[in-house]
Amino acid sequence: MLRVVSERLGILGGTFDPVHVGHIVAAVDVRAALGLDRVFMMPAGDPWQKRGKVVASPEHRLEMVERACAGLEGVEASRVEIDEPGASVTADTLERLAAPSRELFLLLGTDAVANMPTWRRLEETRDLASIAVVERAGEHAEPPGPGWRFEHVTIPRLDVSSSEIRRRVGMGLPIDGLTPALVVQFIRDVGLYTLA
């Protein structure tokens, strides 16, 4: 039986601690390259592989993503993982988003693809979504095994990271241009990432 797809949905998950321009470029470029209807930028509620390393609360990380998505066509913040109790597991999230008329694309950087063998419920993940590998110049990633549907999308190399933004805030250095202005303002207003 032929399945009729009415929505192609991308999911870009992460801690977004904080969200930055590299995340935004990935979402926008993959949406355009693969003809996705929407991309959800989805902060992990309980990123179990980064426990003890996440600084901002789930609600603060969601607020920053909402601000980063303001004005972006087809890119929106999602609280799906924040609203779920327990560890954020990709297969669980994909199952929640699955619908007969929806085709799912999981957006991953090459570092996340390399980490896939450590995922919980990895085999179930393979059948739930295509993987959109976000590759910057000189990077390449291959599936963790047979049967995966992989799409490769090259984006500009932007040398920015959440850890560098946190470091700069802690040192009192500007972060303008590394993350959208609305996110910069929120970080300042809330006092995130400042040294105690």
N, C-alpha and C. Protein backbone atom coordinates (compact mmCIF):
# COMPACT_ATOMS: atom_id res chain seq x y z
N MET A 1 0.85 -1.19 0.00
CA MET A 1 0.00 0.00 0.00
C MET A 1 0.89 1.24 0.00
N LEU A 2 0.59 2.18 -0.87
CA LEU A 2 1.36 3.41 -0.99
C LEU A 2 0.98 4.37 0.13
N ARG A 3 1.99 4.87 0.81
CA ARG A 3 1.76 5.83 1.89
C ARG A 3 1.77 7.24 1.32
N VAL A 4 0.77 8.03 1.67
CA VAL A 4 0.70 9.42 1.22
C VAL A 4 1.32 10.30 2.30
N VAL A 5 2.38 11.00 1.92
CA VAL A 5 3.08 11.87 2.87
C VAL A 5 2.60 13.29 2.67
N SER A 6 2.05 13.88 3.72
CA SER A 6 1.58 15.26 3.63
C SER A 6 2.49 16.23 4.37
N GLU A 7 3.42 15.69 5.18
CA GLU A 7 4.37 16.57 5.87
C GLU A 7 5.72 15.89 6.00
N ARG A 8 6.74 16.64 5.62
CA ARG A 8 8.14 16.22 5.83
C ARG A 8 8.67 17.07 6.98
N LEU A 9 8.92 16.40 8.11
CA LEU A 9 9.26 17.10 9.35
C LEU A 9 10.68 16.76 9.78
N GLY A 10 11.48 17.81 9.99
CA GLY A 10 12.83 17.63 10.52
C GLY A 10 12.87 17.87 12.01
N ILE A 11 13.72 17.12 12.70
CA ILE A 11 13.90 17.28 14.15
C ILE A 11 15.37 17.52 14.42
N LEU A 12 15.68 18.70 14.97
CA LEU A 12 17.03 19.03 15.38
C LEU A 12 17.04 19.11 16.89
N GLY A 13 17.52 18.06 17.52
CA GLY A 13 17.58 18.02 18.98
C GLY A 13 18.93 18.47 19.48
N GLY A 14 18.98 18.74 20.75
CA GLY A 14 20.25 19.14 21.37
C GLY A 14 20.01 19.72 22.74
N THR A 15 21.10 20.01 23.43
CA THR A 15 20.94 20.67 24.72
C THR A 15 20.66 22.16 24.52
N PHE A 16 21.23 22.76 23.48
CA PHE A 16 21.04 24.18 23.20
C PHE A 16 21.32 25.01 24.45
N ASP A 17 22.55 24.88 24.94
CA ASP A 17 22.94 25.46 26.23
C ASP A 17 24.11 26.44 26.07
N PRO A 18 23.93 27.55 25.31
CA PRO A 18 22.72 28.02 24.64
C PRO A 18 22.71 27.66 23.15
N VAL A 19 21.57 27.93 22.51
CA VAL A 19 21.44 27.81 21.07
C VAL A 19 22.35 28.87 20.42
N HIS A 20 22.89 28.57 19.25
CA HIS A 20 23.77 29.53 18.57
C HIS A 20 23.52 29.52 17.06
N VAL A 21 24.22 30.39 16.35
CA VAL A 21 23.98 30.56 14.91
C VAL A 21 24.28 29.29 14.12
N GLY A 22 25.19 28.46 14.59
CA GLY A 22 25.45 27.19 13.90
C GLY A 22 24.23 26.29 13.89
N HIS A 23 23.50 26.24 15.00
CA HIS A 23 22.27 25.46 15.07
C HIS A 23 21.23 26.00 14.08
N ILE A 24 21.12 27.31 14.04
CA ILE A 24 20.12 27.94 13.17
C ILE A 24 20.44 27.68 11.71
N VAL A 25 21.70 27.85 11.32
CA VAL A 25 22.10 27.60 9.93
C VAL A 25 21.82 26.14 9.56
N ALA A 26 22.10 25.22 10.47
CA ALA A 26 21.82 23.80 10.20
C ALA A 26 20.33 23.59 9.93
N ALA A 27 19.48 24.15 10.77
CA ALA A 27 18.04 23.97 10.61
C ALA A 27 17.54 24.56 9.30
N VAL A 28 17.96 25.76 9.00
CA VAL A 28 17.50 26.47 7.80
C VAL A 28 18.02 25.79 6.53
N ASP A 29 19.31 25.44 6.51
CA ASP A 29 19.91 24.84 5.31
C ASP A 29 19.36 23.44 5.03
N VAL A 30 19.18 22.63 6.07
CA VAL A 30 18.64 21.28 5.84
C VAL A 30 17.20 21.38 5.39
N ARG A 31 16.44 22.28 5.97
CA ARG A 31 15.04 22.46 5.53
C ARG A 31 15.01 22.78 4.03
N ALA A 32 15.86 23.68 3.58
CA ALA A 32 15.88 24.07 2.18
C ALA A 32 16.39 22.92 1.29
N ALA A 33 17.48 22.27 1.71
CA ALA A 33 18.10 21.23 0.88
C ALA A 33 17.20 20.02 0.68
N LEU A 34 16.45 19.65 1.71
CA LEU A 34 15.62 18.45 1.65
C LEU A 34 14.14 18.75 1.42
N GLY A 35 13.79 20.01 1.26
CA GLY A 35 12.40 20.36 1.02
C GLY A 35 11.49 19.99 2.18
N LEU A 36 11.96 20.23 3.40
CA LEU A 36 11.15 19.91 4.57
C LEU A 36 10.10 20.99 4.79
N ASP A 37 8.93 20.57 5.24
CA ASP A 37 7.87 21.53 5.54
C ASP A 37 8.18 22.33 6.80
N ARG A 38 8.69 21.63 7.82
CA ARG A 38 9.04 22.28 9.07
C ARG A 38 10.26 21.59 9.68
N VAL A 39 10.97 22.34 10.52
CA VAL A 39 12.01 21.77 11.36
C VAL A 39 11.71 22.16 12.80
N PHE A 40 11.63 21.16 13.67
CA PHE A 40 11.50 21.41 15.10
C PHE A 40 12.90 21.48 15.71
N MET A 41 13.20 22.58 16.39
CA MET A 41 14.41 22.65 17.21
C MET A 41 13.96 22.25 18.61
N MET A 42 14.51 21.15 19.11
CA MET A 42 13.96 20.49 20.28
C MET A 42 15.00 20.33 21.39
N PRO A 43 14.93 21.18 22.42
CA PRO A 43 15.84 21.00 23.55
C PRO A 43 15.55 19.69 24.30
N ALA A 44 16.60 18.99 24.65
CA ALA A 44 16.45 17.76 25.42
C ALA A 44 16.02 18.12 26.85
N GLY A 45 15.01 17.42 27.35
CA GLY A 45 14.57 17.65 28.71
C GLY A 45 15.58 17.15 29.72
N ASP A 46 15.98 15.89 29.56
CA ASP A 46 16.97 15.26 30.43
C ASP A 46 17.99 14.58 29.52
N PRO A 47 19.00 15.34 29.05
CA PRO A 47 20.01 14.76 28.17
C PRO A 47 20.94 13.83 28.95
N TRP A 48 20.57 12.55 29.03
CA TRP A 48 21.23 11.60 29.93
C TRP A 48 22.72 11.44 29.65
N GLN A 49 23.17 11.67 28.43
CA GLN A 49 24.60 11.53 28.14
C GLN A 49 25.39 12.77 28.55
N LYS A 50 24.69 13.82 28.95
CA LYS A 50 25.38 15.05 29.37
C LYS A 50 24.98 15.45 30.78
N ARG A 51 24.50 14.51 31.57
CA ARG A 51 24.10 14.83 32.94
C ARG A 51 25.28 15.43 33.71
N GLY A 52 24.98 16.49 34.43
CA GLY A 52 26.00 17.18 35.21
C GLY A 52 26.77 18.22 34.42
N LYS A 53 26.54 18.29 33.10
CA LYS A 53 27.26 19.25 32.26
C LYS A 53 26.36 20.35 31.71
N VAL A 54 25.04 20.18 31.83
CA VAL A 54 24.10 21.16 31.30
C VAL A 54 23.89 22.24 32.36
N VAL A 55 24.05 23.50 31.96
CA VAL A 55 24.01 24.60 32.92
C VAL A 55 22.60 25.18 33.07
N ALA A 56 21.98 25.57 31.94
CA ALA A 56 20.66 26.22 31.99
C ALA A 56 19.55 25.19 32.19
N SER A 57 18.47 25.61 32.81
CA SER A 57 17.33 24.73 33.04
C SER A 57 16.65 24.40 31.71
N PRO A 58 15.86 23.33 31.67
CA PRO A 58 15.13 23.02 30.44
C PRO A 58 14.25 24.19 29.95
N GLU A 59 13.57 24.85 30.87
CA GLU A 59 12.70 25.97 30.47
C GLU A 59 13.50 27.14 29.92
N HIS A 60 14.66 27.41 30.51
CA HIS A 60 15.50 28.50 29.99
C HIS A 60 16.05 28.14 28.61
N ARG A 61 16.43 26.87 28.41
CA ARG A 61 16.94 26.46 27.10
C ARG A 61 15.83 26.52 26.05
N LEU A 62 14.62 26.14 26.43
CA LEU A 62 13.49 26.25 25.51
C LEU A 62 13.21 27.71 25.16
N GLU A 63 13.22 28.58 26.16
CA GLU A 63 12.99 30.01 25.90
C GLU A 63 14.02 30.57 24.92
N MET A 64 15.28 30.17 25.07
CA MET A 64 16.31 30.65 24.15
C MET A 64 16.05 30.15 22.73
N VAL A 65 15.63 28.89 22.60
CA VAL A 65 15.33 28.34 21.28
C VAL A 65 14.12 29.05 20.67
N GLU A 66 13.10 29.31 21.48
CA GLU A 66 11.93 30.05 20.97
C GLU A 66 12.35 31.42 20.44
N ARG A 67 13.21 32.09 21.16
CA ARG A 67 13.69 33.40 20.72
C ARG A 67 14.53 33.27 19.44
N ALA A 68 15.33 32.23 19.35
CA ALA A 68 16.17 32.02 18.17
C ALA A 68 15.34 31.73 16.92
N CYS A 69 14.19 31.10 17.10
CA CYS A 69 13.33 30.73 15.97
C CYS A 69 12.41 31.86 15.53
N ALA A 70 12.32 32.92 16.32
CA ALA A 70 11.42 34.03 16.00
C ALA A 70 11.76 34.58 14.62
N GLY A 71 10.77 34.59 13.74
CA GLY A 71 10.97 35.15 12.41
C GLY A 71 11.55 34.18 11.39
N LEU A 72 11.87 32.96 11.78
CA LEU A 72 12.40 31.98 10.84
C LEU A 72 11.25 31.20 10.22
N GLU A 73 11.16 31.22 8.93
CA GLU A 73 10.09 30.49 8.25
C GLU A 73 10.32 28.99 8.35
N GLY A 74 9.32 28.28 8.84
CA GLY A 74 9.37 26.82 8.87
C GLY A 74 10.27 26.22 9.93
N VAL A 75 10.80 27.03 10.84
CA VAL A 75 11.64 26.52 11.94
C VAL A 75 10.99 26.97 13.24
N GLU A 76 10.71 26.01 14.12
CA GLU A 76 10.02 26.35 15.36
C GLU A 76 10.55 25.54 16.54
N ALA A 77 10.41 26.12 17.70
CA ALA A 77 10.81 25.44 18.93
C ALA A 77 9.77 24.38 19.28
N SER A 78 10.24 23.28 19.87
CA SER A 78 9.34 22.22 20.32
C SER A 78 9.69 21.84 21.75
N ARG A 79 8.67 21.66 22.56
CA ARG A 79 8.88 21.28 23.96
C ARG A 79 8.57 19.80 24.20
N VAL A 80 8.50 19.01 23.12
CA VAL A 80 8.13 17.59 23.24
C VAL A 80 9.00 16.87 24.27
N GLU A 81 10.32 17.03 24.21
CA GLU A 81 11.17 16.29 25.15
C GLU A 81 11.16 16.91 26.54
N ILE A 82 10.97 18.21 26.63
CA ILE A 82 10.94 18.86 27.94
C ILE A 82 9.72 18.42 28.74
N ASP A 83 8.63 18.15 28.06
CA ASP A 83 7.40 17.77 28.74
C ASP A 83 7.36 16.29 29.14
N GLU A 84 8.31 15.51 28.68
CA GLU A 84 8.33 14.08 29.00
C GLU A 84 9.22 13.81 30.21
N PRO A 85 8.75 13.02 31.15
CA PRO A 85 9.59 12.68 32.30
C PRO A 85 10.68 11.69 31.90
N GLY A 86 11.75 11.68 32.64
CA GLY A 86 12.82 10.72 32.39
C GLY A 86 13.78 11.17 31.30
N ALA A 87 14.72 10.28 31.00
CA ALA A 87 15.77 10.58 30.04
C ALA A 87 15.21 10.81 28.65
N SER A 88 15.83 11.74 27.92
CA SER A 88 15.44 12.02 26.54
C SER A 88 16.07 10.95 25.64
N VAL A 89 15.22 10.13 25.03
CA VAL A 89 15.67 9.05 24.15
C VAL A 89 15.08 9.32 22.76
N THR A 90 15.94 9.33 21.76
CA THR A 90 15.53 9.72 20.41
C THR A 90 14.39 8.86 19.88
N ALA A 91 14.47 7.56 20.06
CA ALA A 91 13.41 6.68 19.55
C ALA A 91 12.07 7.01 20.19
N ASP A 92 12.05 7.31 21.47
CA ASP A 92 10.80 7.68 22.15
C ASP A 92 10.21 8.94 21.52
N THR A 93 11.07 9.93 21.29
CA THR A 93 10.62 11.20 20.70
C THR A 93 10.06 10.97 19.30
N LEU A 94 10.76 10.19 18.49
CA LEU A 94 10.30 9.93 17.13
C LEU A 94 8.95 9.20 17.14
N GLU A 95 8.77 8.28 18.07
CA GLU A 95 7.48 7.58 18.17
C GLU A 95 6.36 8.56 18.52
N ARG A 96 6.63 9.53 19.39
CA ARG A 96 5.62 10.53 19.74
C ARG A 96 5.23 11.39 18.55
N LEU A 97 6.19 11.64 17.67
CA LEU A 97 5.95 12.52 16.52
C LEU A 97 5.44 11.78 15.29
N ALA A 98 5.50 10.47 15.31
CA ALA A 98 5.12 9.68 14.14
C ALA A 98 3.64 9.82 13.83
N ALA A 99 3.33 9.85 12.54
CA ALA A 99 1.96 9.88 12.05
C ALA A 99 1.96 9.24 10.68
N PRO A 100 0.86 8.60 10.28
CA PRO A 100 0.83 7.90 8.99
C PRO A 100 1.20 8.79 7.80
N SER A 101 0.87 10.08 7.87
CA SER A 101 1.13 10.96 6.74
C SER A 101 2.37 11.83 6.92
N ARG A 102 3.19 11.51 7.92
CA ARG A 102 4.36 12.34 8.23
C ARG A 102 5.64 11.54 8.00
N GLU A 103 6.58 12.15 7.30
CA GLU A 103 7.90 11.56 7.11
C GLU A 103 8.88 12.33 7.99
N LEU A 104 9.62 11.60 8.84
CA LEU A 104 10.51 12.23 9.81
C LEU A 104 11.96 12.19 9.34
N PHE A 105 12.66 13.29 9.60
CA PHE A 105 14.08 13.42 9.30
C PHE A 105 14.78 13.89 10.58
N LEU A 106 15.75 13.12 11.04
CA LEU A 106 16.49 13.46 12.23
C LEU A 106 17.78 14.15 11.81
N LEU A 107 17.94 15.42 12.19
CA LEU A 107 19.12 16.20 11.82
C LEU A 107 20.23 15.95 12.83
N LEU A 108 21.38 15.48 12.34
CA LEU A 108 22.51 15.18 13.22
C LEU A 108 23.80 15.71 12.62
N GLY A 109 24.65 16.24 13.47
CA GLY A 109 26.00 16.59 13.06
C GLY A 109 26.86 15.33 13.01
N THR A 110 28.03 15.44 12.41
CA THR A 110 28.90 14.27 12.28
C THR A 110 29.34 13.74 13.65
N ASP A 111 29.48 14.62 14.64
CA ASP A 111 29.84 14.17 15.98
C ASP A 111 28.73 13.31 16.59
N ALA A 112 27.49 13.71 16.36
CA ALA A 112 26.35 12.93 16.87
C ALA A 112 26.23 11.59 16.15
N VAL A 113 26.51 11.57 14.85
CA VAL A 113 26.47 10.31 14.11
C VAL A 113 27.54 9.36 14.67
N ALA A 114 28.71 9.87 14.95
CA ALA A 114 29.78 9.02 15.51
C ALA A 114 29.38 8.45 16.87
N ASN A 115 28.52 9.16 17.59
CA ASN A 115 28.08 8.75 18.92
C ASN A 115 26.87 7.81 18.89
N MET A 116 26.27 7.61 17.72
CA MET A 116 25.04 6.82 17.63
C MET A 116 25.14 5.42 18.24
N PRO A 117 26.25 4.71 18.11
CA PRO A 117 26.30 3.36 18.70
C PRO A 117 26.04 3.32 20.21
N THR A 118 26.14 4.47 20.90
CA THR A 118 25.89 4.50 22.35
C THR A 118 24.43 4.79 22.67
N TRP A 119 23.60 5.04 21.65
CA TRP A 119 22.22 5.43 21.90
C TRP A 119 21.39 4.28 22.46
N ARG A 120 20.42 4.64 23.27
CA ARG A 120 19.40 3.69 23.71
C ARG A 120 18.43 3.48 22.55
N ARG A 121 17.98 2.25 22.37
CA ARG A 121 16.99 1.88 21.35
C ARG A 121 17.44 2.27 19.93
N LEU A 122 18.72 2.07 19.65
CA LEU A 122 19.26 2.46 18.35
C LEU A 122 18.58 1.75 17.19
N GLU A 123 18.35 0.44 17.32
CA GLU A 123 17.75 -0.31 16.21
C GLU A 123 16.34 0.18 15.88
N GLU A 124 15.57 0.53 16.89
CA GLU A 124 14.22 1.06 16.64
C GLU A 124 14.29 2.42 15.95
N THR A 125 15.30 3.20 16.28
CA THR A 125 15.46 4.52 15.68
C THR A 125 15.59 4.42 14.16
N ARG A 126 16.30 3.40 13.70
CA ARG A 126 16.57 3.23 12.26
C ARG A 126 15.28 3.21 11.43
N ASP A 127 14.24 2.60 11.96
CA ASP A 127 13.00 2.45 11.20
C ASP A 127 12.04 3.63 11.36
N LEU A 128 12.39 4.57 12.23
CA LEU A 128 11.47 5.67 12.53
C LEU A 128 11.74 6.95 11.73
N ALA A 129 12.97 7.12 11.23
CA ALA A 129 13.30 8.39 10.56
C ALA A 129 14.48 8.20 9.63
N SER A 130 14.55 9.08 8.64
CA SER A 130 15.76 9.23 7.85
C SER A 130 16.72 10.12 8.63
N ILE A 131 18.00 9.91 8.45
CA ILE A 131 19.01 10.74 9.10
C ILE A 131 19.49 11.78 8.11
N ALA A 132 19.38 13.05 8.47
CA ALA A 132 19.93 14.14 7.68
C ALA A 132 21.25 14.54 8.34
N VAL A 133 22.35 14.12 7.75
CA VAL A 133 23.67 14.39 8.34
C VAL A 133 24.12 15.78 7.92
N VAL A 134 24.34 16.63 8.90
CA VAL A 134 24.78 18.00 8.66
C VAL A 134 26.30 17.99 8.69
N GLU A 135 26.88 18.21 7.52
CA GLU A 135 28.34 18.13 7.39
C GLU A 135 28.90 19.49 7.01
N ARG A 136 29.94 19.88 7.73
CA ARG A 136 30.66 21.10 7.37
C ARG A 136 31.86 20.71 6.52
N ALA A 137 32.48 21.68 5.87
CA ALA A 137 33.58 21.40 4.95
C ALA A 137 34.61 20.46 5.58
N GLY A 138 34.92 19.38 4.86
CA GLY A 138 35.91 18.42 5.34
C GLY A 138 35.35 17.33 6.22
N GLU A 139 34.09 17.39 6.58
CA GLU A 139 33.48 16.38 7.45
C GLU A 139 32.67 15.39 6.61
N HIS A 140 32.59 14.16 7.10
CA HIS A 140 31.74 13.16 6.46
C HIS A 140 31.41 12.10 7.51
N ALA A 141 30.20 11.58 7.44
CA ALA A 141 29.77 10.54 8.39
C ALA A 141 29.01 9.47 7.64
N GLU A 142 29.15 8.26 8.11
CA GLU A 142 28.45 7.11 7.54
C GLU A 142 27.54 6.49 8.59
N PRO A 143 26.52 5.75 8.15
CA PRO A 143 25.59 5.12 9.10
C PRO A 143 26.30 4.16 10.05
N PRO A 144 25.70 3.92 11.22
CA PRO A 144 26.30 3.00 12.19
C PRO A 144 26.12 1.53 11.83
N GLY A 145 25.47 1.26 10.71
CA GLY A 145 25.24 -0.11 10.27
C GLY A 145 24.33 -0.12 9.05
N PRO A 146 23.95 -1.30 8.58
CA PRO A 146 23.11 -1.39 7.38
C PRO A 146 21.66 -1.00 7.66
N GLY A 147 20.97 -0.59 6.60
CA GLY A 147 19.53 -0.34 6.69
C GLY A 147 19.12 1.08 7.01
N TRP A 148 20.09 1.95 7.30
CA TRP A 148 19.77 3.34 7.63
C TRP A 148 19.54 4.14 6.36
N ARG A 149 18.60 5.08 6.42
CA ARG A 149 18.37 6.03 5.32
C ARG A 149 19.12 7.31 5.68
N PHE A 150 20.17 7.61 4.93
CA PHE A 150 21.03 8.77 5.20
C PHE A 150 20.95 9.78 4.07
N GLU A 151 20.78 11.05 4.42
CA GLU A 151 20.88 12.17 3.49
C GLU A 151 22.03 13.04 4.00
N HIS A 152 22.88 13.51 3.10
CA HIS A 152 24.01 14.35 3.48
C HIS A 152 23.77 15.78 3.02
N VAL A 153 23.88 16.73 3.96
CA VAL A 153 23.69 18.14 3.65
C VAL A 153 24.91 18.90 4.15
N THR A 154 25.57 19.61 3.23
CA THR A 154 26.75 20.40 3.61
C THR A 154 26.31 21.82 3.94
N ILE A 155 26.81 22.32 5.06
CA ILE A 155 26.51 23.69 5.47
C ILE A 155 27.82 24.44 5.66
N PRO A 156 27.79 25.78 5.73
CA PRO A 156 29.01 26.54 5.97
C PRO A 156 29.63 26.19 7.32
N ARG A 157 30.95 26.23 7.38
CA ARG A 157 31.64 25.99 8.66
C ARG A 157 31.60 27.27 9.48
N LEU A 158 30.95 27.20 10.62
CA LEU A 158 30.89 28.31 11.56
C LEU A 158 31.53 27.84 12.86
N ASP A 159 32.67 28.40 13.20
CA ASP A 159 33.37 27.95 14.40
C ASP A 159 32.79 28.64 15.63
N VAL A 160 31.65 28.13 16.05
CA VAL A 160 30.98 28.64 17.25
C VAL A 160 30.45 27.44 18.02
N SER A 161 30.50 27.51 19.32
CA SER A 161 29.99 26.41 20.14
C SER A 161 29.32 26.98 21.38
N SER A 162 28.43 26.18 21.94
CA SER A 162 27.75 26.60 23.17
C SER A 162 28.75 26.78 24.30
N SER A 163 29.74 25.89 24.37
CA SER A 163 30.73 26.00 25.46
C SER A 163 31.54 27.28 25.34
N GLU A 164 31.85 27.70 24.11
CA GLU A 164 32.59 28.95 23.91
C GLU A 164 31.72 30.15 24.31
N ILE A 165 30.44 30.10 24.01
CA ILE A 165 29.55 31.20 24.42
C ILE A 165 29.49 31.27 25.93
N ARG A 166 29.34 30.12 26.59
CA ARG A 166 29.30 30.11 28.08
C ARG A 166 30.60 30.67 28.65
N ARG A 167 31.72 30.27 28.06
CA ARG A 167 33.03 30.75 28.53
C ARG A 167 33.12 32.27 28.38
N ARG A 168 32.69 32.78 27.23
CA ARG A 168 32.76 34.22 26.98
C ARG A 168 31.86 34.99 27.96
N VAL A 169 30.66 34.49 28.20
CA VAL A 169 29.77 35.16 29.16
C VAL A 169 30.43 35.18 30.53
N GLY A 170 31.00 34.04 30.93
CA GLY A 170 31.64 33.95 32.23
C GLY A 170 32.81 34.91 32.40
N MET A 171 33.45 35.25 31.26
CA MET A 171 34.60 36.17 31.30
C MET A 171 34.18 37.62 31.05
N GLY A 172 32.87 37.83 30.84
CA GLY A 172 32.40 39.18 30.59
C GLY A 172 32.65 39.66 29.17
N LEU A 173 32.89 38.74 28.24
CA LEU A 173 33.14 39.08 26.84
C LEU A 173 31.83 39.10 26.06
N PRO A 174 31.76 39.86 24.98
CA PRO A 174 30.52 39.92 24.20
C PRO A 174 30.24 38.62 23.46
N ILE A 175 28.96 38.34 23.27
CA ILE A 175 28.55 37.17 22.49
C ILE A 175 27.67 37.57 21.31
N ASP A 176 27.55 38.85 21.07
CA ASP A 176 26.75 39.35 19.97
C ASP A 176 27.26 38.74 18.66
N GLY A 177 26.32 38.27 17.83
CA GLY A 177 26.68 37.66 16.57
C GLY A 177 26.87 36.15 16.65
N LEU A 178 27.13 35.64 17.84
CA LEU A 178 27.30 34.19 18.01
C LEU A 178 25.96 33.50 18.22
N THR A 179 25.01 34.25 18.71
CA THR A 179 23.65 33.78 18.93
C THR A 179 22.73 34.97 18.64
N PRO A 180 21.47 34.74 18.27
CA PRO A 180 20.60 35.86 17.93
C PRO A 180 20.47 36.88 19.06
N ALA A 181 20.19 38.12 18.66
CA ALA A 181 20.12 39.23 19.62
C ALA A 181 19.11 38.97 20.73
N LEU A 182 17.97 38.33 20.40
CA LEU A 182 16.97 38.05 21.43
C LEU A 182 17.49 37.05 22.46
N VAL A 183 18.36 36.15 22.02
CA VAL A 183 18.97 35.19 22.95
C VAL A 183 20.01 35.89 23.81
N VAL A 184 20.82 36.74 23.20
CA VAL A 184 21.81 37.52 23.96
C VAL A 184 21.11 38.29 25.07
N GLN A 185 20.00 38.94 24.73
CA GLN A 185 19.27 39.75 25.71
C GLN A 185 18.73 38.88 26.84
N PHE A 186 18.21 37.69 26.50
CA PHE A 186 17.68 36.79 27.53
C PHE A 186 18.79 36.33 28.47
N ILE A 187 19.94 35.97 27.91
CA ILE A 187 21.08 35.54 28.74
C ILE A 187 21.46 36.65 29.71
N ARG A 188 21.47 37.88 29.21
CA ARG A 188 21.81 39.02 30.08
C ARG A 188 20.74 39.25 31.14
N ASP A 189 19.47 39.23 30.71
CA ASP A 189 18.37 39.51 31.64
C ASP A 189 18.29 38.49 32.77
N VAL A 190 18.50 37.21 32.44
CA VAL A 190 18.38 36.13 33.43
C VAL A 190 19.67 35.96 34.22
N GLY A 191 20.78 36.40 33.63
CA GLY A 191 22.07 36.22 34.31
C GLY A 191 22.65 34.83 34.11
N LEU A 192 22.32 34.20 32.98
CA LEU A 192 22.84 32.84 32.70
C LEU A 192 24.34 32.89 32.44
N TYR A 193 25.01 31.83 32.85
CA TYR A 193 26.41 31.54 32.52
C TYR A 193 27.42 32.48 33.16
N THR A 194 26.97 33.35 34.04
CA THR A 194 27.92 34.23 34.73
C THR A 194 28.58 33.46 35.86
N LEU A 195 29.80 33.79 36.17
CA LEU A 195 30.52 33.11 37.25
C LEU A 195 29.96 33.59 38.58
N ALA A 196 29.71 32.64 39.46
CA ALA A 196 29.14 32.98 40.77
C ALA A 196 30.21 33.54 41.68
